[in-house]
Amino acid sequence: MANDSVKIKWTRYVLIMTVLIAHPAGATEVENVVFDKQVVIGQQTLEIKGAGVLRYLRFIKAYAGALYTLPGVDPATVLSDTPKRLEVEYFHALKGKDFGPATYKGLSKNLDAVEIEQLRPRIDYHNSLYVDVQPGDRYALTYLPGAGTELSLNGRSMGVIEGADFAAAIFSLWLGKNPYDLQFKNALLGIGG
C-alpha cells in the first residue's frame, strides 16, 4: 500500500527527469561498451567523470559503468546534493528479484540501521522497479536535485524516488565509504590508474 502511494506521488516527476543524450566527437569505451562523453539532464550538461568494469570475485566481469557529474565536481563531494548519473551495462543475465537483496546488503555497509529504516519505503519502491536484464541491457540512475532519482532501463524510465538523502544512499553502493568494489569506485571517480 505504501509503495502504491509512492508510485502515484512520483509518477509526475518522470517527465522532469527525461535525459537527452549528447553525441559529441569521441566517446569512452570500456570492454567494448561505449559511453557518451556527456549527458544533458534538464538544463544541465554532465560530463563523464570516469568509467570502469565491476568484477565479481575479482575475475568475473559483471558490468561496465560510467559516472557523469557537473564539470569540476570533487570526488569527495560526489554524494552531495548535486546532479549525477551512473550508467551500468551488464555482461550477464540477472533476475530482477536479485537486485533488492544486493541493494540492502550494500546499504548496510554504508548506512546505519536507523538510516536504512528511515529510507526503507523508498528503498523498497526502488527495488520493486528492477526487472530481469540480459547481456547488453543498461540501467541508469540519474539524480537531479529537487526532482529525485530516476531509474531507467535502456532509456525507458522505470520510476523516480524523491530526496537527496535517498540519492546519497543509493549512489553510496558504488561511491560510498564501503562500495561494492573499490577499484570500480576509483575508476568511476577518475582516481588512480
N, C-alpha and C. Protein backbone atom coordinates (compact mmCIF):
# COMPACT_ATOMS: atom_id res chain seq x y z
N MET A 1 0.82 -1.19 0.00
CA MET A 1 0.00 0.00 0.00
C MET A 1 0.87 1.26 0.00
N ALA A 2 1.91 1.28 0.85
CA ALA A 2 2.81 2.43 0.88
C ALA A 2 3.50 2.60 -0.46
N ASN A 3 3.87 1.49 -1.10
CA ASN A 3 4.52 1.57 -2.40
C ASN A 3 3.61 2.22 -3.43
N ASP A 4 2.28 1.91 -3.37
CA ASP A 4 1.33 2.49 -4.32
C ASP A 4 1.29 4.00 -4.19
N SER A 5 1.28 4.53 -2.96
CA SER A 5 1.23 5.98 -2.79
C SER A 5 2.53 6.62 -3.27
N VAL A 6 3.66 5.95 -3.06
CA VAL A 6 4.93 6.47 -3.55
C VAL A 6 4.92 6.48 -5.07
N LYS A 7 4.42 5.40 -5.69
CA LYS A 7 4.37 5.33 -7.16
C LYS A 7 3.52 6.45 -7.72
N ILE A 8 2.34 6.65 -7.15
CA ILE A 8 1.44 7.68 -7.65
C ILE A 8 2.06 9.05 -7.45
N LYS A 9 2.61 9.29 -6.28
CA LYS A 9 3.18 10.59 -5.95
C LYS A 9 4.30 10.97 -6.91
N TRP A 10 5.12 10.01 -7.31
CA TRP A 10 6.31 10.35 -8.09
C TRP A 10 6.16 10.15 -9.58
N THR A 11 5.03 9.65 -10.03
CA THR A 11 4.82 9.48 -11.46
C THR A 11 4.96 10.81 -12.19
N ARG A 12 4.47 11.89 -11.58
CA ARG A 12 4.52 13.19 -12.24
C ARG A 12 5.94 13.70 -12.45
N TYR A 13 6.91 13.20 -11.68
CA TYR A 13 8.28 13.66 -11.82
C TYR A 13 9.03 12.98 -12.97
N VAL A 14 8.49 11.92 -13.51
CA VAL A 14 9.20 11.19 -14.56
C VAL A 14 9.49 12.10 -15.75
N LEU A 15 8.56 12.95 -16.11
CA LEU A 15 8.78 13.85 -17.24
C LEU A 15 9.91 14.83 -16.98
N ILE A 16 10.08 15.24 -15.73
CA ILE A 16 11.15 16.16 -15.37
C ILE A 16 12.51 15.52 -15.60
N MET A 17 12.58 14.21 -15.41
CA MET A 17 13.85 13.51 -15.43
C MET A 17 14.27 13.03 -16.81
N THR A 18 13.55 13.43 -17.85
CA THR A 18 13.92 13.00 -19.19
C THR A 18 15.36 13.41 -19.48
N VAL A 19 16.14 12.47 -19.94
CA VAL A 19 17.55 12.71 -20.21
C VAL A 19 17.79 12.72 -21.71
N LEU A 20 18.45 13.77 -22.16
CA LEU A 20 18.81 13.86 -23.57
C LEU A 20 20.29 13.50 -23.69
N ILE A 21 20.60 12.65 -24.61
CA ILE A 21 21.99 12.22 -24.78
C ILE A 21 22.65 13.07 -25.86
N ALA A 22 23.77 13.66 -25.51
CA ALA A 22 24.55 14.42 -26.48
C ALA A 22 25.56 13.48 -27.13
N HIS A 23 25.85 13.70 -28.37
CA HIS A 23 26.80 12.84 -29.07
C HIS A 23 27.97 13.67 -29.61
N PRO A 24 28.82 14.15 -28.71
CA PRO A 24 29.99 14.90 -29.17
C PRO A 24 31.00 13.95 -29.80
N ALA A 25 31.97 14.54 -30.44
CA ALA A 25 33.02 13.72 -31.06
C ALA A 25 33.69 12.88 -29.99
N GLY A 26 33.84 11.62 -30.27
CA GLY A 26 34.50 10.72 -29.33
C GLY A 26 33.57 10.21 -28.26
N ALA A 27 34.00 9.17 -27.63
CA ALA A 27 33.25 8.56 -26.54
C ALA A 27 34.24 7.77 -25.72
N THR A 28 33.80 7.29 -24.57
CA THR A 28 34.64 6.46 -23.73
C THR A 28 34.23 5.01 -23.92
N GLU A 29 35.21 4.14 -24.16
CA GLU A 29 34.92 2.73 -24.36
C GLU A 29 35.62 1.90 -23.28
N VAL A 30 34.84 1.00 -22.66
CA VAL A 30 35.36 0.11 -21.63
C VAL A 30 34.88 -1.29 -21.96
N GLU A 31 35.82 -2.21 -22.23
CA GLU A 31 35.46 -3.60 -22.54
C GLU A 31 34.39 -3.67 -23.64
N ASN A 32 34.58 -2.89 -24.69
CA ASN A 32 33.67 -2.83 -25.84
C ASN A 32 32.31 -2.23 -25.53
N VAL A 33 32.17 -1.56 -24.40
CA VAL A 33 30.94 -0.85 -24.05
C VAL A 33 31.23 0.64 -24.22
N VAL A 34 30.40 1.31 -24.99
CA VAL A 34 30.63 2.72 -25.30
C VAL A 34 29.73 3.60 -24.43
N PHE A 35 30.34 4.60 -23.82
CA PHE A 35 29.63 5.60 -23.03
C PHE A 35 29.86 6.97 -23.65
N ASP A 36 28.78 7.73 -23.81
CA ASP A 36 28.90 9.08 -24.33
C ASP A 36 29.73 9.93 -23.37
N LYS A 37 30.36 10.96 -23.91
CA LYS A 37 31.18 11.86 -23.09
C LYS A 37 30.32 12.77 -22.23
N GLN A 38 29.08 13.06 -22.67
CA GLN A 38 28.21 13.97 -21.95
C GLN A 38 26.77 13.48 -21.99
N VAL A 39 26.01 13.88 -20.98
CA VAL A 39 24.56 13.72 -21.00
C VAL A 39 23.97 15.06 -20.56
N VAL A 40 22.82 15.40 -21.11
CA VAL A 40 22.13 16.63 -20.73
C VAL A 40 20.90 16.23 -19.93
N ILE A 41 20.82 16.75 -18.70
CA ILE A 41 19.69 16.46 -17.82
C ILE A 41 19.01 17.78 -17.52
N GLY A 42 17.78 17.90 -17.96
CA GLY A 42 17.09 19.18 -17.79
C GLY A 42 17.88 20.25 -18.51
N GLN A 43 18.39 21.22 -17.77
CA GLN A 43 19.17 22.34 -18.33
C GLN A 43 20.68 22.17 -18.10
N GLN A 44 21.09 21.02 -17.55
CA GLN A 44 22.48 20.87 -17.15
C GLN A 44 23.19 19.79 -17.96
N THR A 45 24.44 20.09 -18.32
CA THR A 45 25.27 19.13 -19.04
C THR A 45 26.21 18.47 -18.05
N LEU A 46 26.11 17.15 -17.96
CA LEU A 46 27.01 16.38 -17.11
C LEU A 46 28.07 15.75 -18.00
N GLU A 47 29.29 15.70 -17.49
CA GLU A 47 30.40 15.12 -18.23
C GLU A 47 30.83 13.82 -17.56
N ILE A 48 31.36 12.93 -18.38
CA ILE A 48 31.83 11.66 -17.81
C ILE A 48 32.99 11.94 -16.86
N LYS A 49 32.87 11.41 -15.66
CA LYS A 49 33.92 11.57 -14.64
C LYS A 49 34.92 10.43 -14.75
N GLY A 50 34.39 9.24 -15.00
CA GLY A 50 35.23 8.06 -15.14
C GLY A 50 34.39 6.86 -15.51
N ALA A 51 35.06 5.79 -15.91
CA ALA A 51 34.38 4.57 -16.32
C ALA A 51 35.26 3.38 -15.98
N GLY A 52 34.62 2.22 -15.79
CA GLY A 52 35.38 1.02 -15.46
C GLY A 52 34.50 -0.20 -15.50
N VAL A 53 35.06 -1.32 -15.03
CA VAL A 53 34.35 -2.59 -15.00
C VAL A 53 34.29 -3.09 -13.56
N LEU A 54 33.09 -3.46 -13.14
CA LEU A 54 32.94 -4.09 -11.83
C LEU A 54 33.11 -5.59 -12.02
N ARG A 55 33.99 -6.15 -11.23
CA ARG A 55 34.25 -7.59 -11.31
C ARG A 55 33.71 -8.28 -10.06
N TYR A 56 33.09 -9.41 -10.28
CA TYR A 56 32.57 -10.23 -9.20
C TYR A 56 33.62 -11.29 -8.90
N LEU A 57 33.96 -11.46 -7.64
CA LEU A 57 35.00 -12.41 -7.23
C LEU A 57 36.33 -12.15 -7.94
N ARG A 58 36.57 -10.89 -8.25
CA ARG A 58 37.80 -10.38 -8.86
C ARG A 58 38.04 -10.80 -10.31
N PHE A 59 37.36 -11.82 -10.80
CA PHE A 59 37.67 -12.32 -12.14
C PHE A 59 36.51 -12.23 -13.11
N ILE A 60 35.29 -12.28 -12.60
CA ILE A 60 34.12 -12.32 -13.48
C ILE A 60 33.64 -10.90 -13.72
N LYS A 61 33.64 -10.49 -14.98
CA LYS A 61 33.17 -9.15 -15.33
C LYS A 61 31.64 -9.12 -15.20
N ALA A 62 31.13 -8.33 -14.27
CA ALA A 62 29.68 -8.22 -14.06
C ALA A 62 29.08 -7.17 -14.98
N TYR A 63 29.65 -5.96 -14.96
CA TYR A 63 29.15 -4.90 -15.83
C TYR A 63 30.18 -3.79 -15.98
N ALA A 64 30.02 -3.02 -17.04
CA ALA A 64 30.79 -1.81 -17.25
C ALA A 64 29.93 -0.64 -16.80
N GLY A 65 30.57 0.38 -16.27
CA GLY A 65 29.81 1.53 -15.79
C GLY A 65 30.53 2.83 -16.04
N ALA A 66 29.74 3.91 -16.04
CA ALA A 66 30.29 5.26 -16.19
C ALA A 66 29.53 6.20 -15.27
N LEU A 67 30.26 7.14 -14.68
CA LEU A 67 29.68 8.15 -13.82
C LEU A 67 29.76 9.50 -14.51
N TYR A 68 28.65 10.23 -14.47
CA TYR A 68 28.57 11.58 -15.03
C TYR A 68 28.29 12.56 -13.91
N THR A 69 29.00 13.70 -13.92
CA THR A 69 28.78 14.76 -12.93
C THR A 69 28.93 16.10 -13.62
N LEU A 70 28.63 17.17 -12.89
CA LEU A 70 28.94 18.50 -13.39
C LEU A 70 30.45 18.63 -13.50
N PRO A 71 30.95 19.43 -14.43
CA PRO A 71 32.40 19.60 -14.53
C PRO A 71 32.98 20.12 -13.21
N GLY A 72 34.13 19.56 -12.83
CA GLY A 72 34.85 20.03 -11.66
C GLY A 72 34.36 19.54 -10.32
N VAL A 73 33.37 18.62 -10.29
CA VAL A 73 32.90 18.09 -9.01
C VAL A 73 34.02 17.29 -8.36
N ASP A 74 34.32 17.64 -7.11
CA ASP A 74 35.36 16.95 -6.35
C ASP A 74 34.88 15.55 -5.99
N PRO A 75 35.69 14.52 -6.19
CA PRO A 75 35.29 13.16 -5.82
C PRO A 75 34.80 13.04 -4.38
N ALA A 76 35.34 13.87 -3.48
CA ALA A 76 34.95 13.80 -2.07
C ALA A 76 33.52 14.30 -1.85
N THR A 77 32.96 15.04 -2.80
CA THR A 77 31.62 15.60 -2.63
C THR A 77 30.60 15.00 -3.60
N VAL A 78 30.94 13.92 -4.25
CA VAL A 78 30.07 13.36 -5.29
C VAL A 78 28.73 12.88 -4.73
N LEU A 79 28.67 12.52 -3.46
CA LEU A 79 27.41 12.08 -2.87
C LEU A 79 26.56 13.24 -2.34
N SER A 80 27.05 14.47 -2.49
CA SER A 80 26.29 15.62 -2.02
C SER A 80 25.11 15.89 -2.96
N ASP A 81 24.33 16.91 -2.65
CA ASP A 81 23.12 17.25 -3.40
C ASP A 81 23.48 17.93 -4.72
N THR A 82 24.07 17.15 -5.61
CA THR A 82 24.49 17.64 -6.91
C THR A 82 24.05 16.65 -7.99
N PRO A 83 23.76 17.12 -9.20
CA PRO A 83 23.33 16.20 -10.26
C PRO A 83 24.39 15.16 -10.56
N LYS A 84 23.92 13.95 -10.84
CA LYS A 84 24.84 12.86 -11.19
C LYS A 84 24.07 11.77 -11.91
N ARG A 85 24.80 10.97 -12.65
CA ARG A 85 24.20 9.85 -13.38
C ARG A 85 25.20 8.71 -13.39
N LEU A 86 24.71 7.52 -13.11
CA LEU A 86 25.52 6.30 -13.19
C LEU A 86 24.85 5.38 -14.20
N GLU A 87 25.58 4.97 -15.21
CA GLU A 87 25.08 4.00 -16.20
C GLU A 87 25.86 2.72 -16.03
N VAL A 88 25.16 1.59 -16.05
CA VAL A 88 25.83 0.29 -16.00
C VAL A 88 25.24 -0.61 -17.08
N GLU A 89 26.13 -1.23 -17.85
CA GLU A 89 25.72 -2.17 -18.90
C GLU A 89 26.21 -3.56 -18.51
N TYR A 90 25.28 -4.51 -18.52
CA TYR A 90 25.52 -5.85 -17.98
C TYR A 90 26.16 -6.79 -19.00
N PHE A 91 27.05 -7.64 -18.49
CA PHE A 91 27.68 -8.68 -19.30
C PHE A 91 26.97 -10.02 -19.15
N HIS A 92 26.12 -10.15 -18.12
CA HIS A 92 25.43 -11.41 -17.84
C HIS A 92 23.96 -11.14 -17.52
N ALA A 93 23.12 -12.13 -17.71
CA ALA A 93 21.71 -12.02 -17.34
C ALA A 93 21.58 -12.03 -15.82
N LEU A 94 20.65 -11.21 -15.32
CA LEU A 94 20.36 -11.16 -13.89
C LEU A 94 18.85 -11.10 -13.69
N LYS A 95 18.39 -11.69 -12.61
CA LYS A 95 16.96 -11.65 -12.27
C LYS A 95 16.66 -10.35 -11.53
N GLY A 96 15.55 -9.74 -11.85
CA GLY A 96 15.14 -8.51 -11.19
C GLY A 96 15.01 -8.66 -9.69
N LYS A 97 14.55 -9.82 -9.25
CA LYS A 97 14.35 -10.05 -7.80
C LYS A 97 15.67 -10.10 -7.03
N ASP A 98 16.78 -10.25 -7.72
CA ASP A 98 18.08 -10.32 -7.04
C ASP A 98 18.67 -8.95 -6.72
N PHE A 99 18.14 -7.89 -7.32
CA PHE A 99 18.68 -6.56 -7.07
C PHE A 99 18.39 -6.09 -5.64
N GLY A 100 17.20 -6.40 -5.13
CA GLY A 100 16.81 -5.95 -3.79
C GLY A 100 17.75 -6.43 -2.69
N PRO A 101 17.98 -7.74 -2.58
CA PRO A 101 18.91 -8.22 -1.53
C PRO A 101 20.31 -7.62 -1.67
N ALA A 102 20.80 -7.48 -2.90
CA ALA A 102 22.12 -6.89 -3.10
C ALA A 102 22.13 -5.42 -2.67
N THR A 103 21.03 -4.72 -2.92
CA THR A 103 20.93 -3.32 -2.51
C THR A 103 20.99 -3.20 -1.00
N TYR A 104 20.19 -4.00 -0.30
CA TYR A 104 20.19 -3.93 1.16
C TYR A 104 21.54 -4.33 1.75
N LYS A 105 22.17 -5.32 1.17
CA LYS A 105 23.48 -5.75 1.67
C LYS A 105 24.50 -4.62 1.52
N GLY A 106 24.51 -3.97 0.36
CA GLY A 106 25.43 -2.86 0.13
C GLY A 106 25.13 -1.65 1.01
N LEU A 107 23.84 -1.35 1.18
CA LEU A 107 23.47 -0.21 2.02
C LEU A 107 23.88 -0.44 3.47
N SER A 108 23.79 -1.69 3.94
CA SER A 108 24.15 -1.98 5.33
C SER A 108 25.64 -1.73 5.60
N LYS A 109 26.44 -1.66 4.55
CA LYS A 109 27.87 -1.38 4.70
C LYS A 109 28.16 0.12 4.70
N ASN A 110 27.17 0.93 4.29
CA ASN A 110 27.38 2.37 4.17
C ASN A 110 26.47 3.21 5.06
N LEU A 111 25.40 2.62 5.58
CA LEU A 111 24.45 3.34 6.42
C LEU A 111 24.23 2.57 7.71
N ASP A 112 23.81 3.29 8.75
CA ASP A 112 23.46 2.57 9.98
C ASP A 112 22.00 2.11 9.90
N ALA A 113 21.60 1.29 10.85
CA ALA A 113 20.26 0.68 10.83
C ALA A 113 19.15 1.73 10.87
N VAL A 114 19.35 2.81 11.61
CA VAL A 114 18.34 3.86 11.70
C VAL A 114 18.15 4.54 10.34
N GLU A 115 19.26 4.84 9.65
CA GLU A 115 19.17 5.46 8.32
C GLU A 115 18.44 4.54 7.34
N ILE A 116 18.77 3.27 7.36
CA ILE A 116 18.11 2.32 6.46
C ILE A 116 16.62 2.26 6.76
N GLU A 117 16.26 2.23 8.03
CA GLU A 117 14.85 2.15 8.40
C GLU A 117 14.09 3.39 7.93
N GLN A 118 14.70 4.56 8.04
CA GLN A 118 14.05 5.80 7.59
C GLN A 118 13.83 5.79 6.08
N LEU A 119 14.74 5.17 5.35
CA LEU A 119 14.66 5.14 3.89
C LEU A 119 13.90 3.92 3.35
N ARG A 120 13.55 2.97 4.23
CA ARG A 120 13.01 1.68 3.80
C ARG A 120 11.87 1.79 2.77
N PRO A 121 10.84 2.63 2.95
CA PRO A 121 9.77 2.67 1.94
C PRO A 121 10.29 3.05 0.55
N ARG A 122 11.23 3.99 0.51
CA ARG A 122 11.78 4.41 -0.79
C ARG A 122 12.73 3.35 -1.36
N ILE A 123 13.50 2.70 -0.49
CA ILE A 123 14.37 1.62 -0.95
C ILE A 123 13.53 0.48 -1.53
N ASP A 124 12.47 0.11 -0.82
CA ASP A 124 11.62 -0.97 -1.29
C ASP A 124 10.96 -0.62 -2.63
N TYR A 125 10.51 0.61 -2.76
CA TYR A 125 9.93 1.04 -4.04
C TYR A 125 10.99 0.96 -5.15
N HIS A 126 12.17 1.48 -4.87
CA HIS A 126 13.28 1.42 -5.84
C HIS A 126 13.55 -0.02 -6.25
N ASN A 127 13.65 -0.92 -5.28
CA ASN A 127 13.94 -2.32 -5.58
C ASN A 127 12.82 -2.97 -6.39
N SER A 128 11.59 -2.52 -6.19
CA SER A 128 10.45 -3.09 -6.94
C SER A 128 10.48 -2.72 -8.41
N LEU A 129 11.26 -1.72 -8.78
CA LEU A 129 11.32 -1.26 -10.17
C LEU A 129 12.19 -2.15 -11.04
N TYR A 130 13.08 -2.90 -10.44
CA TYR A 130 14.02 -3.72 -11.23
C TYR A 130 13.32 -4.89 -11.89
N VAL A 131 13.71 -5.14 -13.12
CA VAL A 131 13.23 -6.30 -13.88
C VAL A 131 14.46 -7.09 -14.35
N ASP A 132 14.23 -8.27 -14.88
CA ASP A 132 15.33 -9.09 -15.38
C ASP A 132 16.10 -8.35 -16.46
N VAL A 133 17.41 -8.55 -16.48
CA VAL A 133 18.24 -7.96 -17.52
C VAL A 133 19.00 -9.06 -18.26
N GLN A 134 19.30 -8.76 -19.50
CA GLN A 134 20.08 -9.64 -20.36
C GLN A 134 21.41 -8.95 -20.69
N PRO A 135 22.40 -9.68 -21.17
CA PRO A 135 23.64 -9.04 -21.58
C PRO A 135 23.35 -7.91 -22.58
N GLY A 136 23.98 -6.76 -22.34
CA GLY A 136 23.78 -5.60 -23.21
C GLY A 136 22.73 -4.63 -22.70
N ASP A 137 21.91 -5.04 -21.72
CA ASP A 137 20.94 -4.12 -21.14
C ASP A 137 21.69 -3.09 -20.29
N ARG A 138 21.10 -1.89 -20.21
CA ARG A 138 21.76 -0.80 -19.48
C ARG A 138 20.78 -0.11 -18.54
N TYR A 139 21.09 -0.21 -17.24
CA TYR A 139 20.35 0.56 -16.23
C TYR A 139 21.08 1.88 -16.01
N ALA A 140 20.32 2.92 -15.69
CA ALA A 140 20.91 4.21 -15.32
C ALA A 140 20.17 4.76 -14.11
N LEU A 141 20.94 5.31 -13.20
CA LEU A 141 20.41 6.07 -12.07
C LEU A 141 20.79 7.52 -12.31
N THR A 142 19.80 8.39 -12.33
CA THR A 142 20.04 9.81 -12.59
C THR A 142 19.43 10.63 -11.47
N TYR A 143 20.26 11.40 -10.79
CA TYR A 143 19.77 12.26 -9.71
C TYR A 143 19.80 13.71 -10.15
N LEU A 144 18.67 14.38 -9.97
CA LEU A 144 18.54 15.80 -10.23
C LEU A 144 17.96 16.44 -8.98
N PRO A 145 18.72 17.36 -8.32
CA PRO A 145 18.21 17.98 -7.11
C PRO A 145 16.82 18.58 -7.31
N GLY A 146 15.94 18.33 -6.35
CA GLY A 146 14.58 18.84 -6.41
C GLY A 146 13.62 17.94 -7.17
N ALA A 147 14.13 17.04 -7.98
CA ALA A 147 13.28 16.13 -8.77
C ALA A 147 13.36 14.70 -8.27
N GLY A 148 14.54 14.27 -7.84
CA GLY A 148 14.70 12.92 -7.33
C GLY A 148 15.65 12.08 -8.16
N THR A 149 15.62 10.79 -7.89
CA THR A 149 16.49 9.82 -8.56
C THR A 149 15.65 8.95 -9.47
N GLU A 150 15.96 9.00 -10.75
CA GLU A 150 15.24 8.18 -11.72
C GLU A 150 16.03 6.91 -12.01
N LEU A 151 15.33 5.79 -12.03
CA LEU A 151 15.90 4.54 -12.50
C LEU A 151 15.34 4.30 -13.89
N SER A 152 16.22 4.08 -14.86
CA SER A 152 15.76 3.79 -16.22
C SER A 152 16.47 2.55 -16.74
N LEU A 153 15.82 1.87 -17.64
CA LEU A 153 16.38 0.68 -18.29
C LEU A 153 16.34 0.89 -19.79
N ASN A 154 17.50 0.85 -20.41
CA ASN A 154 17.62 1.04 -21.86
C ASN A 154 16.89 2.30 -22.32
N GLY A 155 17.02 3.38 -21.51
CA GLY A 155 16.44 4.67 -21.86
C GLY A 155 14.99 4.85 -21.48
N ARG A 156 14.35 3.83 -20.90
CA ARG A 156 12.93 3.91 -20.51
C ARG A 156 12.84 4.09 -19.00
N SER A 157 12.17 5.15 -18.58
CA SER A 157 12.02 5.42 -17.15
C SER A 157 11.22 4.32 -16.47
N MET A 158 11.75 3.84 -15.35
CA MET A 158 11.06 2.83 -14.55
C MET A 158 10.36 3.47 -13.35
N GLY A 159 10.87 4.62 -12.89
CA GLY A 159 10.29 5.32 -11.76
C GLY A 159 11.28 6.31 -11.18
N VAL A 160 10.75 7.18 -10.30
CA VAL A 160 11.55 8.23 -9.67
C VAL A 160 11.32 8.18 -8.16
N ILE A 161 12.39 8.35 -7.40
CA ILE A 161 12.34 8.33 -5.95
C ILE A 161 12.85 9.67 -5.44
N GLU A 162 12.09 10.29 -4.53
CA GLU A 162 12.42 11.61 -4.02
C GLU A 162 13.59 11.60 -3.05
N GLY A 163 14.20 12.78 -2.91
CA GLY A 163 15.11 13.04 -1.81
C GLY A 163 16.59 12.94 -2.08
N ALA A 164 17.31 13.96 -1.63
CA ALA A 164 18.77 13.94 -1.70
C ALA A 164 19.33 12.85 -0.78
N ASP A 165 18.61 12.57 0.33
CA ASP A 165 19.07 11.52 1.25
C ASP A 165 19.02 10.15 0.58
N PHE A 166 17.96 9.89 -0.19
CA PHE A 166 17.87 8.62 -0.91
C PHE A 166 18.98 8.54 -1.96
N ALA A 167 19.18 9.64 -2.72
CA ALA A 167 20.22 9.63 -3.76
C ALA A 167 21.58 9.33 -3.16
N ALA A 168 21.92 10.00 -2.06
CA ALA A 168 23.22 9.76 -1.42
C ALA A 168 23.35 8.31 -1.00
N ALA A 169 22.26 7.74 -0.47
CA ALA A 169 22.30 6.35 -0.02
C ALA A 169 22.48 5.40 -1.20
N ILE A 170 21.68 5.55 -2.24
CA ILE A 170 21.72 4.59 -3.35
C ILE A 170 23.03 4.69 -4.14
N PHE A 171 23.53 5.91 -4.32
CA PHE A 171 24.81 6.07 -5.02
C PHE A 171 25.98 5.59 -4.16
N SER A 172 25.78 5.51 -2.82
CA SER A 172 26.85 5.02 -1.95
C SER A 172 27.18 3.56 -2.22
N LEU A 173 26.26 2.84 -2.86
CA LEU A 173 26.55 1.44 -3.20
C LEU A 173 27.81 1.34 -4.04
N TRP A 174 28.03 2.32 -4.91
CA TRP A 174 29.20 2.33 -5.79
C TRP A 174 30.24 3.35 -5.36
N LEU A 175 29.79 4.42 -4.66
CA LEU A 175 30.68 5.56 -4.41
C LEU A 175 30.88 5.87 -2.93
N GLY A 176 30.32 5.08 -2.05
CA GLY A 176 30.40 5.33 -0.61
C GLY A 176 31.71 4.86 0.00
N LYS A 177 31.77 4.93 1.32
CA LYS A 177 33.00 4.55 2.03
C LYS A 177 33.28 3.05 1.92
N ASN A 178 32.23 2.25 1.74
CA ASN A 178 32.39 0.80 1.57
C ASN A 178 31.62 0.36 0.32
N PRO A 179 32.14 0.69 -0.85
CA PRO A 179 31.42 0.40 -2.09
C PRO A 179 31.45 -1.09 -2.44
N TYR A 180 30.63 -1.45 -3.42
CA TYR A 180 30.67 -2.83 -3.93
C TYR A 180 32.09 -3.24 -4.27
N ASP A 181 32.84 -2.34 -4.91
CA ASP A 181 34.19 -2.65 -5.35
C ASP A 181 35.01 -1.36 -5.38
N LEU A 182 36.10 -1.31 -4.63
CA LEU A 182 36.90 -0.09 -4.52
C LEU A 182 37.55 0.29 -5.85
N GLN A 183 38.04 -0.68 -6.60
CA GLN A 183 38.65 -0.36 -7.90
C GLN A 183 37.63 0.24 -8.85
N PHE A 184 36.41 -0.28 -8.83
CA PHE A 184 35.35 0.26 -9.67
C PHE A 184 35.01 1.68 -9.23
N LYS A 185 34.90 1.91 -7.92
CA LYS A 185 34.64 3.25 -7.40
C LYS A 185 35.70 4.23 -7.91
N ASN A 186 36.97 3.86 -7.76
CA ASN A 186 38.05 4.74 -8.18
C ASN A 186 38.01 5.00 -9.69
N ALA A 187 37.67 3.98 -10.47
CA ALA A 187 37.55 4.16 -11.91
C ALA A 187 36.43 5.14 -12.24
N LEU A 188 35.28 5.00 -11.57
CA LEU A 188 34.16 5.91 -11.81
C LEU A 188 34.52 7.35 -11.46
N LEU A 189 35.29 7.51 -10.39
CA LEU A 189 35.68 8.86 -9.94
C LEU A 189 36.90 9.39 -10.67
N GLY A 190 37.48 8.57 -11.56
CA GLY A 190 38.67 9.01 -12.30
C GLY A 190 39.90 9.12 -11.42
N ILE A 191 39.96 8.29 -10.39
CA ILE A 191 41.07 8.30 -9.45
C ILE A 191 42.01 7.14 -9.76
N GLY A 192 43.29 7.41 -9.76
CA GLY A 192 44.27 6.32 -9.94
C GLY A 192 44.30 5.80 -11.36
N GLY A 193 44.96 4.66 -11.50
CA GLY A 193 45.13 4.13 -12.83
C GLY A 193 44.78 2.74 -12.99
